[in-house]
Amino acid sequence: MATDLSGPDAFADIADEGERSVALFNEMGKVLQHPRCLNCHPVTGGPLQGDDMHPHMPPMIRGAADFGPDGMNCNTCHGAENVPFTTGEGSIPGHEPWSLAPVSMGWVGKSLGEICEQIKDPERNGGKDLEALYEHNAEDGLVGWGWEPGEGRTPAPGSQEIFGELTRAWIDTGAACPS
């Protein structure tokens, strides 16, 4: 699992803009394919958890609106912030709102090229154009939670600031996808 994340300057020597764009997205992939992102971007019916991406315990399903089943929405346990366990190491993750990404945004088991094509497609990314995708990656608090995941979880590599800079540079170089 990657722990470091290079900024856009690390790719400035790649003369071909398309090749640089792919290299930038490959670097973004260190975040996109990290358990902090994948656990909430499953392609199955429920969330995953932990660095080993095991099924959520207690067992949980997606529910009609990606907020858990009727009568036990995600926010039944997941509040506005991380809460340390009182009985040992670890924490219950939290952010407002807390939910799964829609199935159309599921990434687990997909190649980085497939993820790239998916996140560029407004029909599969929640209606976002590239500028909205940049804002999501660079500023959205739920994305930012990946770098502040609470006790017992490995944060995503780098920082949301670097991830945002990579996203901007990727877009500015043509938003090319790896093959």
N, C-alpha and C. Protein backbone atom coordinates (compact mmCIF):
# COMPACT_ATOMS: atom_id res chain seq x y z
N MET A 1 0.86 -1.17 0.00
CA MET A 1 0.00 0.00 0.00
C MET A 1 0.91 1.24 0.00
N ALA A 2 0.67 2.12 -0.96
CA ALA A 2 1.49 3.33 -1.07
C ALA A 2 1.23 4.26 0.12
N THR A 3 2.31 4.89 0.60
CA THR A 3 2.18 5.86 1.69
C THR A 3 2.60 7.25 1.26
N ASP A 4 3.28 7.35 0.12
CA ASP A 4 3.72 8.67 -0.34
C ASP A 4 2.96 9.04 -1.62
N LEU A 5 2.93 10.32 -1.89
CA LEU A 5 2.24 10.83 -3.06
C LEU A 5 3.05 12.01 -3.59
N SER A 6 3.49 11.90 -4.83
CA SER A 6 4.26 12.97 -5.45
C SER A 6 3.32 14.02 -6.02
N GLY A 7 3.76 15.27 -5.95
CA GLY A 7 2.99 16.36 -6.54
C GLY A 7 3.22 16.47 -8.03
N PRO A 8 2.50 17.34 -8.71
CA PRO A 8 2.61 17.48 -10.16
C PRO A 8 4.01 17.82 -10.65
N ASP A 9 4.80 18.53 -9.85
CA ASP A 9 6.15 18.90 -10.28
C ASP A 9 7.01 17.69 -10.58
N ALA A 10 6.72 16.56 -9.94
CA ALA A 10 7.51 15.34 -10.16
C ALA A 10 7.35 14.82 -11.59
N PHE A 11 6.36 15.31 -12.31
CA PHE A 11 6.07 14.82 -13.66
C PHE A 11 6.34 15.88 -14.73
N ALA A 12 6.91 17.01 -14.32
CA ALA A 12 7.14 18.13 -15.23
C ALA A 12 8.12 17.80 -16.34
N ASP A 13 9.00 16.83 -16.14
CA ASP A 13 9.99 16.47 -17.15
C ASP A 13 9.43 15.59 -18.27
N ILE A 14 8.19 15.15 -18.14
CA ILE A 14 7.58 14.33 -19.20
C ILE A 14 7.08 15.30 -20.27
N ALA A 15 7.77 15.32 -21.40
CA ALA A 15 7.51 16.32 -22.44
C ALA A 15 6.15 16.12 -23.12
N ASP A 16 5.79 14.89 -23.41
CA ASP A 16 4.52 14.63 -24.09
C ASP A 16 3.37 14.84 -23.10
N GLU A 17 2.46 15.76 -23.43
CA GLU A 17 1.38 16.12 -22.51
C GLU A 17 0.46 14.94 -22.20
N GLY A 18 0.18 14.11 -23.20
CA GLY A 18 -0.66 12.94 -22.98
C GLY A 18 -0.01 11.95 -22.04
N GLU A 19 1.28 11.71 -22.25
CA GLU A 19 2.02 10.81 -21.35
C GLU A 19 2.08 11.38 -19.93
N ARG A 20 2.27 12.69 -19.82
CA ARG A 20 2.30 13.34 -18.51
C ARG A 20 0.93 13.21 -17.84
N SER A 21 -0.14 13.37 -18.60
CA SER A 21 -1.49 13.25 -18.06
C SER A 21 -1.72 11.84 -17.50
N VAL A 22 -1.31 10.83 -18.24
CA VAL A 22 -1.45 9.44 -17.77
C VAL A 22 -0.61 9.23 -16.53
N ALA A 23 0.61 9.74 -16.51
CA ALA A 23 1.47 9.60 -15.33
C ALA A 23 0.85 10.27 -14.11
N LEU A 24 0.23 11.42 -14.31
CA LEU A 24 -0.44 12.11 -13.20
C LEU A 24 -1.60 11.28 -12.68
N PHE A 25 -2.39 10.69 -13.59
CA PHE A 25 -3.51 9.87 -13.12
C PHE A 25 -3.01 8.61 -12.43
N ASN A 26 -1.94 8.03 -12.92
CA ASN A 26 -1.36 6.87 -12.23
C ASN A 26 -0.98 7.24 -10.79
N GLU A 27 -0.46 8.44 -10.59
CA GLU A 27 -0.13 8.89 -9.24
C GLU A 27 -1.41 9.09 -8.42
N MET A 28 -2.43 9.67 -9.03
CA MET A 28 -3.73 9.80 -8.36
C MET A 28 -4.26 8.42 -7.95
N GLY A 29 -3.93 7.41 -8.73
CA GLY A 29 -4.39 6.07 -8.46
C GLY A 29 -3.93 5.53 -7.11
N LYS A 30 -2.82 6.06 -6.60
CA LYS A 30 -2.37 5.65 -5.26
C LYS A 30 -3.42 5.99 -4.21
N VAL A 31 -4.17 7.05 -4.44
CA VAL A 31 -5.27 7.43 -3.54
C VAL A 31 -6.54 6.67 -3.93
N LEU A 32 -6.90 6.71 -5.20
CA LEU A 32 -8.14 6.10 -5.65
C LEU A 32 -8.22 4.61 -5.36
N GLN A 33 -7.07 3.92 -5.38
CA GLN A 33 -7.04 2.49 -5.14
C GLN A 33 -6.63 2.13 -3.71
N HIS A 34 -6.61 3.11 -2.83
CA HIS A 34 -6.29 2.89 -1.42
C HIS A 34 -7.55 2.44 -0.69
N PRO A 35 -7.44 1.61 0.34
CA PRO A 35 -8.63 1.18 1.08
C PRO A 35 -9.50 2.31 1.60
N ARG A 36 -8.93 3.49 1.92
CA ARG A 36 -9.78 4.57 2.40
C ARG A 36 -10.81 4.97 1.36
N CYS A 37 -10.47 4.86 0.07
CA CYS A 37 -11.44 5.16 -0.99
C CYS A 37 -12.25 3.92 -1.37
N LEU A 38 -11.57 2.80 -1.56
CA LEU A 38 -12.25 1.61 -2.04
C LEU A 38 -13.31 1.09 -1.08
N ASN A 39 -13.10 1.22 0.22
CA ASN A 39 -14.07 0.70 1.17
C ASN A 39 -15.45 1.32 0.99
N CYS A 40 -15.50 2.56 0.53
CA CYS A 40 -16.78 3.24 0.33
C CYS A 40 -17.17 3.31 -1.14
N HIS A 41 -16.37 2.69 -2.01
CA HIS A 41 -16.67 2.63 -3.44
C HIS A 41 -16.74 1.16 -3.88
N PRO A 42 -17.53 0.33 -3.15
CA PRO A 42 -17.62 -1.08 -3.54
C PRO A 42 -18.54 -1.27 -4.74
N VAL A 43 -18.40 -2.41 -5.39
CA VAL A 43 -19.29 -2.77 -6.49
C VAL A 43 -20.33 -3.78 -6.01
N THR A 44 -20.25 -4.17 -4.76
CA THR A 44 -21.18 -5.12 -4.18
C THR A 44 -22.23 -4.36 -3.37
N GLY A 45 -23.06 -5.10 -2.63
CA GLY A 45 -24.17 -4.51 -1.92
C GLY A 45 -23.87 -3.85 -0.61
N GLY A 46 -22.65 -3.91 -0.10
CA GLY A 46 -22.38 -3.31 1.19
C GLY A 46 -20.98 -2.75 1.30
N PRO A 47 -20.75 -1.96 2.35
CA PRO A 47 -19.43 -1.34 2.55
C PRO A 47 -18.39 -2.35 2.99
N LEU A 48 -17.15 -1.97 2.79
CA LEU A 48 -16.00 -2.73 3.28
C LEU A 48 -15.35 -1.90 4.37
N GLN A 49 -14.46 -2.52 5.14
CA GLN A 49 -13.76 -1.75 6.17
C GLN A 49 -12.39 -2.34 6.43
N GLY A 50 -11.52 -1.50 7.01
CA GLY A 50 -10.17 -1.91 7.35
C GLY A 50 -9.23 -1.85 6.17
N ASP A 51 -7.94 -1.92 6.49
CA ASP A 51 -6.94 -1.92 5.43
C ASP A 51 -7.02 -3.19 4.59
N ASP A 52 -7.58 -4.26 5.17
CA ASP A 52 -7.73 -5.51 4.42
C ASP A 52 -9.06 -5.58 3.66
N MET A 53 -9.87 -4.53 3.77
CA MET A 53 -11.11 -4.37 3.03
C MET A 53 -12.08 -5.54 3.27
N HIS A 54 -12.25 -5.92 4.52
CA HIS A 54 -13.19 -6.99 4.85
C HIS A 54 -14.62 -6.43 4.90
N PRO A 55 -15.62 -7.31 4.79
CA PRO A 55 -17.00 -6.83 4.85
C PRO A 55 -17.28 -6.11 6.17
N HIS A 56 -18.12 -5.10 6.10
CA HIS A 56 -18.50 -4.29 7.25
C HIS A 56 -19.04 -5.18 8.37
N MET A 57 -18.62 -4.92 9.59
CA MET A 57 -19.14 -5.61 10.77
C MET A 57 -19.68 -4.56 11.72
N PRO A 58 -20.92 -4.61 12.15
CA PRO A 58 -21.86 -5.68 11.83
C PRO A 58 -22.24 -5.65 10.36
N PRO A 59 -22.75 -6.79 9.85
CA PRO A 59 -23.11 -6.84 8.43
C PRO A 59 -24.06 -5.69 8.06
N MET A 60 -23.79 -5.09 6.92
CA MET A 60 -24.56 -3.92 6.50
C MET A 60 -24.81 -4.03 4.99
N ILE A 61 -25.95 -3.54 4.56
CA ILE A 61 -26.26 -3.48 3.13
C ILE A 61 -26.33 -2.03 2.69
N ARG A 62 -26.30 -1.83 1.42
CA ARG A 62 -26.28 -0.49 0.83
C ARG A 62 -27.56 0.29 1.14
N GLY A 63 -28.69 -0.32 0.94
CA GLY A 63 -29.96 0.38 1.09
C GLY A 63 -30.32 1.16 -0.16
N ALA A 64 -31.56 1.59 -0.23
CA ALA A 64 -32.10 2.23 -1.43
C ALA A 64 -31.39 3.52 -1.82
N ALA A 65 -30.94 4.30 -0.86
CA ALA A 65 -30.33 5.60 -1.17
C ALA A 65 -28.84 5.64 -0.82
N ASP A 66 -28.19 4.47 -0.69
CA ASP A 66 -26.76 4.36 -0.37
C ASP A 66 -26.44 4.84 1.04
N PHE A 67 -27.44 4.90 1.91
CA PHE A 67 -27.27 5.32 3.31
C PHE A 67 -27.58 4.19 4.28
N GLY A 68 -27.54 2.94 3.82
CA GLY A 68 -27.87 1.81 4.68
C GLY A 68 -29.33 1.42 4.57
N PRO A 69 -29.71 0.33 5.23
CA PRO A 69 -31.09 -0.16 5.13
C PRO A 69 -32.07 0.73 5.89
N ASP A 70 -33.34 0.62 5.53
CA ASP A 70 -34.38 1.36 6.27
C ASP A 70 -34.29 1.00 7.75
N GLY A 71 -34.38 2.00 8.59
CA GLY A 71 -34.34 1.79 10.03
C GLY A 71 -32.96 1.71 10.62
N MET A 72 -31.93 1.62 9.78
CA MET A 72 -30.56 1.59 10.29
C MET A 72 -29.63 2.25 9.28
N ASN A 73 -29.87 3.52 9.05
CA ASN A 73 -29.03 4.27 8.13
C ASN A 73 -27.60 4.36 8.66
N CYS A 74 -26.69 4.70 7.78
CA CYS A 74 -25.27 4.81 8.17
C CYS A 74 -25.10 5.68 9.41
N ASN A 75 -25.86 6.79 9.48
CA ASN A 75 -25.65 7.71 10.60
C ASN A 75 -26.21 7.19 11.92
N THR A 76 -26.78 5.99 11.92
CA THR A 76 -27.14 5.35 13.19
C THR A 76 -25.88 5.14 14.02
N CYS A 77 -24.79 4.76 13.37
CA CYS A 77 -23.51 4.54 14.06
C CYS A 77 -22.46 5.60 13.71
N HIS A 78 -22.51 6.10 12.49
CA HIS A 78 -21.50 7.03 12.00
C HIS A 78 -21.99 8.46 12.17
N GLY A 79 -21.38 9.19 13.09
CA GLY A 79 -21.75 10.57 13.35
C GLY A 79 -20.97 11.54 12.50
N ALA A 80 -20.92 12.79 12.94
CA ALA A 80 -20.29 13.87 12.19
C ALA A 80 -18.76 13.84 12.29
N GLU A 81 -18.21 13.05 13.21
CA GLU A 81 -16.75 12.98 13.35
C GLU A 81 -16.36 11.60 13.85
N ASN A 82 -15.06 11.29 13.74
CA ASN A 82 -14.55 10.02 14.25
C ASN A 82 -14.74 9.97 15.76
N VAL A 83 -15.10 8.79 16.29
CA VAL A 83 -15.29 8.61 17.72
C VAL A 83 -14.42 7.46 18.19
N PRO A 84 -13.45 7.72 19.09
CA PRO A 84 -12.60 6.63 19.58
C PRO A 84 -13.42 5.57 20.33
N PHE A 85 -13.03 4.31 20.18
CA PHE A 85 -13.64 3.24 20.97
C PHE A 85 -13.36 3.49 22.44
N THR A 86 -14.30 3.21 23.29
CA THR A 86 -14.08 3.35 24.73
C THR A 86 -13.51 2.08 25.32
N THR A 87 -13.56 0.98 24.56
CA THR A 87 -13.13 -0.32 25.09
C THR A 87 -11.82 -0.82 24.51
N GLY A 88 -11.11 -0.02 23.77
CA GLY A 88 -9.85 -0.47 23.18
C GLY A 88 -9.41 0.43 22.06
N GLU A 89 -8.41 -0.06 21.31
CA GLU A 89 -7.86 0.73 20.21
C GLU A 89 -8.82 0.76 19.03
N GLY A 90 -8.82 1.85 18.32
CA GLY A 90 -9.64 1.99 17.12
C GLY A 90 -10.67 3.09 17.28
N SER A 91 -11.52 3.23 16.28
CA SER A 91 -12.53 4.27 16.30
C SER A 91 -13.64 3.94 15.32
N ILE A 92 -14.77 4.59 15.54
CA ILE A 92 -15.88 4.55 14.58
C ILE A 92 -15.68 5.76 13.68
N PRO A 93 -15.55 5.53 12.36
CA PRO A 93 -15.34 6.67 11.48
C PRO A 93 -16.58 7.53 11.37
N GLY A 94 -16.37 8.83 11.14
CA GLY A 94 -17.51 9.71 11.00
C GLY A 94 -17.22 10.94 10.18
N HIS A 95 -18.25 11.41 9.53
CA HIS A 95 -18.24 12.65 8.75
C HIS A 95 -19.69 12.91 8.38
N GLU A 96 -20.05 14.15 8.23
CA GLU A 96 -21.40 14.50 7.83
C GLU A 96 -21.39 14.97 6.38
N PRO A 97 -22.01 14.30 5.44
CA PRO A 97 -22.75 13.06 5.58
C PRO A 97 -21.82 11.86 5.49
N TRP A 98 -22.30 10.70 5.89
CA TRP A 98 -21.57 9.44 5.77
C TRP A 98 -22.43 8.51 4.93
N SER A 99 -21.91 8.05 3.81
CA SER A 99 -22.68 7.16 2.95
C SER A 99 -21.74 6.42 2.01
N LEU A 100 -22.28 5.42 1.36
CA LEU A 100 -21.56 4.74 0.29
C LEU A 100 -21.68 5.54 -0.99
N ALA A 101 -20.68 5.42 -1.82
CA ALA A 101 -20.81 5.94 -3.18
C ALA A 101 -21.85 5.08 -3.90
N PRO A 102 -22.62 5.67 -4.81
CA PRO A 102 -23.57 4.86 -5.58
C PRO A 102 -22.86 3.74 -6.33
N VAL A 103 -23.59 2.69 -6.65
CA VAL A 103 -23.02 1.54 -7.36
C VAL A 103 -22.32 1.99 -8.65
N SER A 104 -22.87 3.00 -9.32
CA SER A 104 -22.26 3.48 -10.57
C SER A 104 -20.86 4.03 -10.34
N MET A 105 -20.53 4.32 -9.08
CA MET A 105 -19.20 4.84 -8.73
C MET A 105 -18.36 3.79 -8.02
N GLY A 106 -18.74 2.51 -8.12
CA GLY A 106 -17.96 1.45 -7.50
C GLY A 106 -16.67 1.18 -8.26
N TRP A 107 -15.57 0.99 -7.53
CA TRP A 107 -14.26 0.82 -8.15
C TRP A 107 -13.58 -0.49 -7.79
N VAL A 108 -14.00 -1.16 -6.74
CA VAL A 108 -13.28 -2.34 -6.27
C VAL A 108 -13.17 -3.35 -7.41
N GLY A 109 -11.95 -3.82 -7.65
CA GLY A 109 -11.71 -4.81 -8.69
C GLY A 109 -11.53 -4.24 -10.08
N LYS A 110 -11.65 -2.94 -10.25
CA LYS A 110 -11.49 -2.33 -11.57
C LYS A 110 -10.05 -1.87 -11.76
N SER A 111 -9.62 -1.87 -13.01
CA SER A 111 -8.29 -1.36 -13.33
C SER A 111 -8.28 0.15 -13.18
N LEU A 112 -7.10 0.72 -13.08
CA LEU A 112 -6.99 2.17 -12.97
C LEU A 112 -7.54 2.86 -14.22
N GLY A 113 -7.34 2.25 -15.39
CA GLY A 113 -7.90 2.80 -16.62
C GLY A 113 -9.43 2.81 -16.59
N GLU A 114 -10.03 1.73 -16.06
CA GLU A 114 -11.49 1.66 -15.95
C GLU A 114 -12.01 2.71 -14.97
N ILE A 115 -11.30 2.88 -13.86
CA ILE A 115 -11.69 3.90 -12.88
C ILE A 115 -11.62 5.29 -13.51
N CYS A 116 -10.57 5.55 -14.25
CA CYS A 116 -10.38 6.84 -14.91
C CYS A 116 -11.55 7.14 -15.86
N GLU A 117 -11.88 6.18 -16.73
CA GLU A 117 -12.99 6.39 -17.66
C GLU A 117 -14.30 6.60 -16.90
N GLN A 118 -14.47 5.88 -15.81
CA GLN A 118 -15.69 5.97 -15.01
C GLN A 118 -15.83 7.34 -14.36
N ILE A 119 -14.74 7.84 -13.75
CA ILE A 119 -14.88 9.12 -13.04
C ILE A 119 -15.00 10.31 -13.99
N LYS A 120 -14.63 10.12 -15.26
CA LYS A 120 -14.81 11.18 -16.25
C LYS A 120 -16.21 11.19 -16.84
N ASP A 121 -16.97 10.12 -16.64
CA ASP A 121 -18.28 9.95 -17.27
C ASP A 121 -19.38 10.50 -16.36
N PRO A 122 -20.00 11.64 -16.71
CA PRO A 122 -21.04 12.21 -15.85
C PRO A 122 -22.20 11.26 -15.56
N GLU A 123 -22.43 10.29 -16.44
CA GLU A 123 -23.51 9.33 -16.19
C GLU A 123 -23.13 8.32 -15.11
N ARG A 124 -21.83 8.22 -14.80
CA ARG A 124 -21.38 7.28 -13.77
C ARG A 124 -20.64 7.96 -12.62
N ASN A 125 -20.61 9.29 -12.59
CA ASN A 125 -19.87 9.99 -11.53
C ASN A 125 -20.73 11.00 -10.77
N GLY A 126 -22.03 10.84 -10.84
CA GLY A 126 -22.91 11.76 -10.14
C GLY A 126 -23.16 13.06 -10.88
N GLY A 127 -22.95 13.07 -12.20
CA GLY A 127 -23.23 14.25 -13.02
C GLY A 127 -22.14 15.30 -13.00
N LYS A 128 -20.92 14.93 -12.62
CA LYS A 128 -19.84 15.92 -12.52
C LYS A 128 -19.10 16.09 -13.84
N ASP A 129 -18.85 17.36 -14.20
CA ASP A 129 -17.90 17.63 -15.26
C ASP A 129 -16.51 17.64 -14.63
N LEU A 130 -15.47 17.85 -15.42
CA LEU A 130 -14.11 17.78 -14.89
C LEU A 130 -13.86 18.83 -13.80
N GLU A 131 -14.43 20.02 -13.95
CA GLU A 131 -14.24 21.05 -12.92
C GLU A 131 -14.89 20.64 -11.60
N ALA A 132 -16.07 20.06 -11.67
CA ALA A 132 -16.74 19.58 -10.45
C ALA A 132 -15.97 18.41 -9.85
N LEU A 133 -15.37 17.58 -10.70
CA LEU A 133 -14.55 16.47 -10.20
C LEU A 133 -13.32 17.02 -9.46
N TYR A 134 -12.70 18.06 -10.02
CA TYR A 134 -11.58 18.70 -9.33
C TYR A 134 -12.02 19.21 -7.96
N GLU A 135 -13.13 19.94 -7.91
CA GLU A 135 -13.61 20.48 -6.63
C GLU A 135 -13.88 19.36 -5.64
N HIS A 136 -14.46 18.26 -6.12
CA HIS A 136 -14.73 17.10 -5.26
C HIS A 136 -13.43 16.56 -4.66
N ASN A 137 -12.44 16.33 -5.51
CA ASN A 137 -11.17 15.77 -5.04
C ASN A 137 -10.40 16.73 -4.15
N ALA A 138 -10.43 18.01 -4.48
CA ALA A 138 -9.61 18.99 -3.78
C ALA A 138 -10.26 19.56 -2.52
N GLU A 139 -11.60 19.58 -2.46
CA GLU A 139 -12.26 20.32 -1.38
C GLU A 139 -13.30 19.55 -0.58
N ASP A 140 -13.85 18.48 -1.12
CA ASP A 140 -14.93 17.77 -0.43
C ASP A 140 -14.44 17.16 0.88
N GLY A 141 -15.16 17.43 1.95
CA GLY A 141 -14.77 16.94 3.27
C GLY A 141 -14.79 15.43 3.41
N LEU A 142 -15.72 14.76 2.72
CA LEU A 142 -15.75 13.30 2.81
C LEU A 142 -14.53 12.70 2.12
N VAL A 143 -14.11 13.28 1.00
CA VAL A 143 -12.85 12.86 0.37
C VAL A 143 -11.69 13.14 1.34
N GLY A 144 -11.70 14.31 1.96
CA GLY A 144 -10.65 14.68 2.90
C GLY A 144 -10.56 13.77 4.11
N TRP A 145 -11.68 13.13 4.47
CA TRP A 145 -11.67 12.19 5.59
C TRP A 145 -10.62 11.10 5.37
N GLY A 146 -10.34 10.76 4.13
CA GLY A 146 -9.36 9.72 3.83
C GLY A 146 -7.98 10.00 4.39
N TRP A 147 -7.69 11.25 4.69
CA TRP A 147 -6.39 11.61 5.27
C TRP A 147 -6.50 11.83 6.78
N GLU A 148 -7.70 11.76 7.31
CA GLU A 148 -7.96 11.91 8.75
C GLU A 148 -8.92 10.81 9.19
N PRO A 149 -8.53 9.53 8.98
CA PRO A 149 -9.51 8.46 9.14
C PRO A 149 -9.73 7.96 10.57
N GLY A 150 -9.06 8.52 11.52
CA GLY A 150 -9.26 8.09 12.90
C GLY A 150 -8.34 6.94 13.28
N GLU A 151 -8.27 6.71 14.57
CA GLU A 151 -7.39 5.68 15.11
C GLU A 151 -7.72 4.31 14.54
N GLY A 152 -6.65 3.59 14.18
CA GLY A 152 -6.82 2.24 13.68
C GLY A 152 -6.89 2.11 12.17
N ARG A 153 -6.78 3.22 11.46
CA ARG A 153 -6.83 3.20 10.00
C ARG A 153 -5.63 3.91 9.40
N THR A 154 -5.09 3.34 8.34
CA THR A 154 -3.99 3.97 7.61
C THR A 154 -4.56 5.06 6.71
N PRO A 155 -4.07 6.30 6.83
CA PRO A 155 -4.58 7.36 5.95
C PRO A 155 -4.18 7.12 4.50
N ALA A 156 -4.93 7.73 3.60
CA ALA A 156 -4.57 7.72 2.19
C ALA A 156 -3.19 8.37 2.04
N PRO A 157 -2.45 8.03 0.99
CA PRO A 157 -1.13 8.62 0.80
C PRO A 157 -1.19 10.12 0.52
N GLY A 158 -0.16 10.83 0.97
CA GLY A 158 -0.05 12.26 0.69
C GLY A 158 -1.02 13.08 1.49
N SER A 159 -1.70 14.01 0.81
CA SER A 159 -2.68 14.89 1.45
C SER A 159 -3.74 15.24 0.43
N GLN A 160 -4.87 15.74 0.90
CA GLN A 160 -5.92 16.16 -0.03
C GLN A 160 -5.41 17.31 -0.89
N GLU A 161 -4.57 18.16 -0.34
CA GLU A 161 -4.03 19.27 -1.13
C GLU A 161 -3.24 18.74 -2.33
N ILE A 162 -2.35 17.78 -2.10
CA ILE A 162 -1.56 17.22 -3.21
C ILE A 162 -2.48 16.50 -4.19
N PHE A 163 -3.46 15.74 -3.66
CA PHE A 163 -4.41 15.03 -4.52
C PHE A 163 -5.17 16.03 -5.41
N GLY A 164 -5.56 17.16 -4.85
CA GLY A 164 -6.22 18.20 -5.63
C GLY A 164 -5.30 18.79 -6.69
N GLU A 165 -4.04 19.02 -6.33
CA GLU A 165 -3.08 19.54 -7.30
C GLU A 165 -2.86 18.55 -8.44
N LEU A 166 -2.77 17.26 -8.11
CA LEU A 166 -2.63 16.24 -9.15
C LEU A 166 -3.85 16.23 -10.06
N THR A 167 -5.04 16.34 -9.46
CA THR A 167 -6.27 16.34 -10.25
C THR A 167 -6.28 17.53 -11.20
N ARG A 168 -5.92 18.72 -10.71
CA ARG A 168 -5.87 19.91 -11.56
C ARG A 168 -4.88 19.72 -12.70
N ALA A 169 -3.70 19.22 -12.40
CA ALA A 169 -2.68 19.02 -13.44
C ALA A 169 -3.13 17.96 -14.45
N TRP A 170 -3.78 16.91 -13.99
CA TRP A 170 -4.31 15.86 -14.87
C TRP A 170 -5.35 16.46 -15.83
N ILE A 171 -6.25 17.25 -15.30
CA ILE A 171 -7.27 17.89 -16.15
C ILE A 171 -6.61 18.84 -17.14
N ASP A 172 -5.67 19.65 -16.65
CA ASP A 172 -5.02 20.66 -17.50
C ASP A 172 -4.17 20.03 -18.61
N THR A 173 -3.79 18.76 -18.45
CA THR A 173 -2.99 18.08 -19.48
C THR A 173 -3.86 17.17 -20.34
N GLY A 174 -5.17 17.31 -20.28
CA GLY A 174 -6.05 16.58 -21.17
C GLY A 174 -6.85 15.45 -20.53
N ALA A 175 -6.67 15.21 -19.23
CA ALA A 175 -7.43 14.16 -18.51
C ALA A 175 -7.35 12.81 -19.23
N ALA A 176 -6.12 12.44 -19.62
CA ALA A 176 -5.91 11.16 -20.32
C ALA A 176 -5.96 10.01 -19.30
N CYS A 177 -6.44 8.88 -19.77
CA CYS A 177 -6.55 7.69 -18.93
C CYS A 177 -5.50 6.65 -19.28
N PRO A 178 -5.01 5.91 -18.28
CA PRO A 178 -4.11 4.80 -18.56
C PRO A 178 -4.84 3.72 -19.38
N SER A 179 -4.09 2.99 -20.18
CA SER A 179 -4.74 1.92 -20.98
C SER A 179 -4.70 0.62 -20.20
